[in-house]
């Protein structure tokens, strides 16, 4: 089965204290439904972008670390699920439920897997 990222977006100035008990219960109910359906593989919430660190390679081979997110945007990913679904339509159905439970915009994207690297054969 294919895997999909279902990402929840919040504005950069989002205040977690605005999440009501009703919102949290809706999110917990959605998680229970995903688990019961065998769709949920991983879930995580992310800390605010204000605590993010960005790393960039420099021409001299060093790595520059700066405070803040990599991209300057008005929204950021606040949390996400990794789901297994038969196809994009099933993943979008979970995404619709996530929009309603989280009361926030959602992005659904297929996860791209590269073939595993080939290991050199060892002489017998």
C-alpha atoms as a PDB file:
ATOM      1  CA  UNK A   1       0.000   0.000   0.000  1.00  0.00           C
ATOM      2  CA  UNK A   2       1.132   3.547  -0.667  1.00  0.00           C
ATOM      3  CA  UNK A   3       1.966   5.957   2.126  1.00  0.00           C
ATOM      4  CA  UNK A   4       0.843   9.578   2.342  1.00  0.00           C
ATOM      5  CA  UNK A   5       1.759  12.605   4.397  1.00  0.00           C
ATOM      6  CA  UNK A   6      -1.229  14.468   5.825  1.00  0.00           C
ATOM      7  CA  UNK A   7       0.156  17.767   7.144  1.00  0.00           C
ATOM      8  CA  UNK A   8      -1.714  20.287   9.287  1.00  0.00           C
ATOM      9  CA  UNK A   9      -0.885  23.964   8.698  1.00  0.00           C
ATOM     10  CA  UNK A  10      -1.134  26.782  11.245  1.00  0.00           C
ATOM     11  CA  UNK A  11      -0.305  30.476  10.929  1.00  0.00           C
ATOM     12  CA  UNK A  12       3.066  31.460  12.371  1.00  0.00           C
ATOM     13  CA  UNK A  13       1.360  33.359  15.190  1.00  0.00           C
ATOM     14  CA  UNK A  14      -0.877  30.399  16.127  1.00  0.00           C
ATOM     15  CA  UNK A  15      -1.557  30.120  19.837  1.00  0.00           C
ATOM     16  CA  UNK A  16      -1.934  26.512  21.082  1.00  0.00           C
ATOM     17  CA  UNK A  17      -4.088  27.721  23.963  1.00  0.00           C
ATOM     18  CA  UNK A  18      -6.861  28.372  21.427  1.00  0.00           C
ATOM     19  CA  UNK A  19      -7.409  24.624  20.970  1.00  0.00           C
ATOM     20  CA  UNK A  20     -10.565  23.765  22.846  1.00  0.00           C
ATOM     21  CA  UNK A  21     -11.391  20.457  24.516  1.00  0.00           C
ATOM     22  CA  UNK A  22     -13.791  19.816  21.624  1.00  0.00           C
ATOM     23  CA  UNK A  23     -10.991  20.200  19.059  1.00  0.00           C
ATOM     24  CA  UNK A  24      -8.674  17.931  21.035  1.00  0.00           C
ATOM     25  CA  UNK A  25     -11.378  15.280  21.394  1.00  0.00           C
ATOM     26  CA  UNK A  26     -12.093  15.440  17.645  1.00  0.00           C
ATOM     27  CA  UNK A  27      -8.371  14.921  16.937  1.00  0.00           C
ATOM     28  CA  UNK A  28      -8.201  12.017  19.412  1.00  0.00           C
ATOM     29  CA  UNK A  29     -11.314  10.474  17.825  1.00  0.00           C
ATOM     30  CA  UNK A  30      -9.744  10.786  14.359  1.00  0.00           C
ATOM     31  CA  UNK A  31      -6.566   9.120  15.637  1.00  0.00           C
ATOM     32  CA  UNK A  32      -8.599   6.258  17.107  1.00  0.00           C
ATOM     33  CA  UNK A  33     -10.438   5.859  13.790  1.00  0.00           C
ATOM     34  CA  UNK A  34      -7.154   5.830  11.837  1.00  0.00           C
ATOM     35  CA  UNK A  35      -5.684   3.228  14.184  1.00  0.00           C
ATOM     36  CA  UNK A  36      -8.803   1.036  13.975  1.00  0.00           C
ATOM     37  CA  UNK A  37      -8.661   1.197  10.158  1.00  0.00           C
ATOM     38  CA  UNK A  38      -4.959   0.274  10.173  1.00  0.00           C
ATOM     39  CA  UNK A  39      -4.156   3.481   8.269  1.00  0.00           C
ATOM     40  CA  UNK A  40      -2.066   5.390  10.808  1.00  0.00           C
ATOM     41  CA  UNK A  41       1.630   4.579  10.715  1.00  0.00           C
ATOM     42  CA  UNK A  42       3.032   7.641  12.507  1.00  0.00           C
ATOM     43  CA  UNK A  43       1.757  10.914  13.949  1.00  0.00           C
ATOM     44  CA  UNK A  44       3.530  13.915  15.461  1.00  0.00           C
ATOM     45  CA  UNK A  45       2.953  17.491  16.472  1.00  0.00           C
ATOM     46  CA  UNK A  46       5.714  20.036  15.966  1.00  0.00           C
ATOM     47  CA  UNK A  47       6.882  22.837  18.226  1.00  0.00           C
ATOM     48  CA  UNK A  48       6.385  26.431  17.035  1.00  0.00           C
ATOM     49  CA  UNK A  49       8.664  27.659  14.238  1.00  0.00           C
ATOM     50  CA  UNK A  50      10.070  30.210  16.668  1.00  0.00           C
ATOM     51  CA  UNK A  51      12.257  27.436  18.142  1.00  0.00           C
ATOM     52  CA  UNK A  52      13.342  26.006  14.785  1.00  0.00           C
ATOM     53  CA  UNK A  53      16.973  25.995  13.659  1.00  0.00           C
ATOM     54  CA  UNK A  54      17.952  26.034   9.986  1.00  0.00           C
ATOM     55  CA  UNK A  55      21.158  24.558   8.637  1.00  0.00           C
ATOM     56  CA  UNK A  56      22.714  25.528   5.296  1.00  0.00           C
ATOM     57  CA  UNK A  57      25.896  24.333   3.605  1.00  0.00           C
ATOM     58  CA  UNK A  58      28.386  27.121   2.892  1.00  0.00           C
ATOM     59  CA  UNK A  59      30.817  27.330  -0.044  1.00  0.00           C
ATOM     60  CA  UNK A  60      33.758  26.725   2.330  1.00  0.00           C
ATOM     61  CA  UNK A  61      32.290  23.346   3.384  1.00  0.00           C
ATOM     62  CA  UNK A  62      31.087  24.572   6.764  1.00  0.00           C
ATOM     63  CA  UNK A  63      27.462  24.505   7.901  1.00  0.00           C
ATOM     64  CA  UNK A  64      25.725  27.707   8.965  1.00  0.00           C
ATOM     65  CA  UNK A  65      23.099  27.330  11.712  1.00  0.00           C
ATOM     66  CA  UNK A  66      20.550  30.117  12.116  1.00  0.00           C
ATOM     67  CA  UNK A  67      17.511  30.639  14.323  1.00  0.00           C
ATOM     68  CA  UNK A  68      14.099  30.238  12.748  1.00  0.00           C
ATOM     69  CA  UNK A  69      12.490  28.221   9.995  1.00  0.00           C
ATOM     70  CA  UNK A  70      14.190  27.486   6.683  1.00  0.00           C
ATOM     71  CA  UNK A  71      11.442  29.268   4.741  1.00  0.00           C
ATOM     72  CA  UNK A  72       9.961  32.636   5.614  1.00  0.00           C
ATOM     73  CA  UNK A  73       6.220  32.006   5.265  1.00  0.00           C
ATOM     74  CA  UNK A  74       2.998  33.008   6.968  1.00  0.00           C
ATOM     75  CA  UNK A  75       2.095  29.393   7.776  1.00  0.00           C
ATOM     76  CA  UNK A  76       3.998  26.321   8.850  1.00  0.00           C
ATOM     77  CA  UNK A  77       3.442  22.616   9.373  1.00  0.00           C
ATOM     78  CA  UNK A  78       2.173  22.190  12.912  1.00  0.00           C
ATOM     79  CA  UNK A  79       1.794  18.420  12.860  1.00  0.00           C
ATOM     80  CA  UNK A  80       1.372  15.495  10.538  1.00  0.00           C
ATOM     81  CA  UNK A  81       0.299  11.918  10.028  1.00  0.00           C
ATOM     82  CA  UNK A  82       1.942   9.286   7.880  1.00  0.00           C
ATOM     83  CA  UNK A  83      -0.862   7.079   6.615  1.00  0.00           C
ATOM     84  CA  UNK A  84      -1.142   3.959   4.506  1.00  0.00           C
ATOM     85  CA  UNK A  85      -3.913   4.126   1.944  1.00  0.00           C
ATOM     86  CA  UNK A  86      -4.973   2.204  -1.135  1.00  0.00           C
ATOM     87  CA  UNK A  87      -4.812   5.347  -3.285  1.00  0.00           C
ATOM     88  CA  UNK A  88      -4.892   9.152  -3.230  1.00  0.00           C
ATOM     89  CA  UNK A  89      -8.677   9.163  -2.952  1.00  0.00           C
ATOM     90  CA  UNK A  90      -8.528   7.257   0.334  1.00  0.00           C
ATOM     91  CA  UNK A  91      -5.756   9.554   1.581  1.00  0.00           C
ATOM     92  CA  UNK A  92      -7.866  12.589   0.642  1.00  0.00           C
ATOM     93  CA  UNK A  93     -10.808  11.138   2.580  1.00  0.00           C
ATOM     94  CA  UNK A  94      -8.566  11.066   5.688  1.00  0.00           C
ATOM     95  CA  UNK A  95      -7.409  14.592   4.837  1.00  0.00           C
ATOM     96  CA  UNK A  96     -11.029  15.816   4.775  1.00  0.00           C
ATOM     97  CA  UNK A  97     -11.567  14.359   8.242  1.00  0.00           C
ATOM     98  CA  UNK A  98      -8.342  16.000   9.442  1.00  0.00           C
ATOM     99  CA  UNK A  99      -9.496  19.432   8.190  1.00  0.00           C
ATOM    100  CA  UNK A 100     -12.696  19.087  10.195  1.00  0.00           C
ATOM    101  CA  UNK A 101     -11.062  17.686  13.337  1.00  0.00           C
ATOM    102  CA  UNK A 102      -8.174  20.165  13.430  1.00  0.00           C
ATOM    103  CA  UNK A 103     -10.106  23.147  12.065  1.00  0.00           C
ATOM    104  CA  UNK A 104      -7.051  23.994   9.993  1.00  0.00           C
ATOM    105  CA  UNK A 105      -5.825  23.645   6.401  1.00  0.00           C
ATOM    106  CA  UNK A 106      -4.380  20.263   5.454  1.00  0.00           C
ATOM    107  CA  UNK A 107      -1.976  19.147   2.736  1.00  0.00           C
ATOM    108  CA  UNK A 108      -1.982  15.549   1.443  1.00  0.00           C
ATOM    109  CA  UNK A 109       1.053  14.294  -0.463  1.00  0.00           C
ATOM    110  CA  UNK A 110       2.193  10.852  -1.557  1.00  0.00           C
ATOM    111  CA  UNK A 111       5.457   9.757   0.028  1.00  0.00           C
ATOM    112  CA  UNK A 112       8.127   9.083  -2.566  1.00  0.00           C
ATOM    113  CA  UNK A 113      10.396   6.114  -1.895  1.00  0.00           C
ATOM    114  CA  UNK A 114      13.616   5.758  -3.807  1.00  0.00           C
ATOM    115  CA  UNK A 115      14.832   2.244  -4.449  1.00  0.00           C
ATOM    116  CA  UNK A 116      17.073   0.930  -1.707  1.00  0.00           C
ATOM    117  CA  UNK A 117      20.779   1.312  -2.458  1.00  0.00           C
ATOM    118  CA  UNK A 118      22.458  -1.738  -3.892  1.00  0.00           C
ATOM    119  CA  UNK A 119      25.048  -3.166  -1.547  1.00  0.00           C
ATOM    120  CA  UNK A 120      28.273  -4.420  -3.054  1.00  0.00           C
ATOM    121  CA  UNK A 121      28.446  -8.177  -3.185  1.00  0.00           C
ATOM    122  CA  UNK A 122      30.993  -9.823  -0.939  1.00  0.00           C
ATOM    123  CA  UNK A 123      33.235 -12.625  -2.139  1.00  0.00           C
ATOM    124  CA  UNK A 124      32.281 -16.053  -0.859  1.00  0.00           C
END
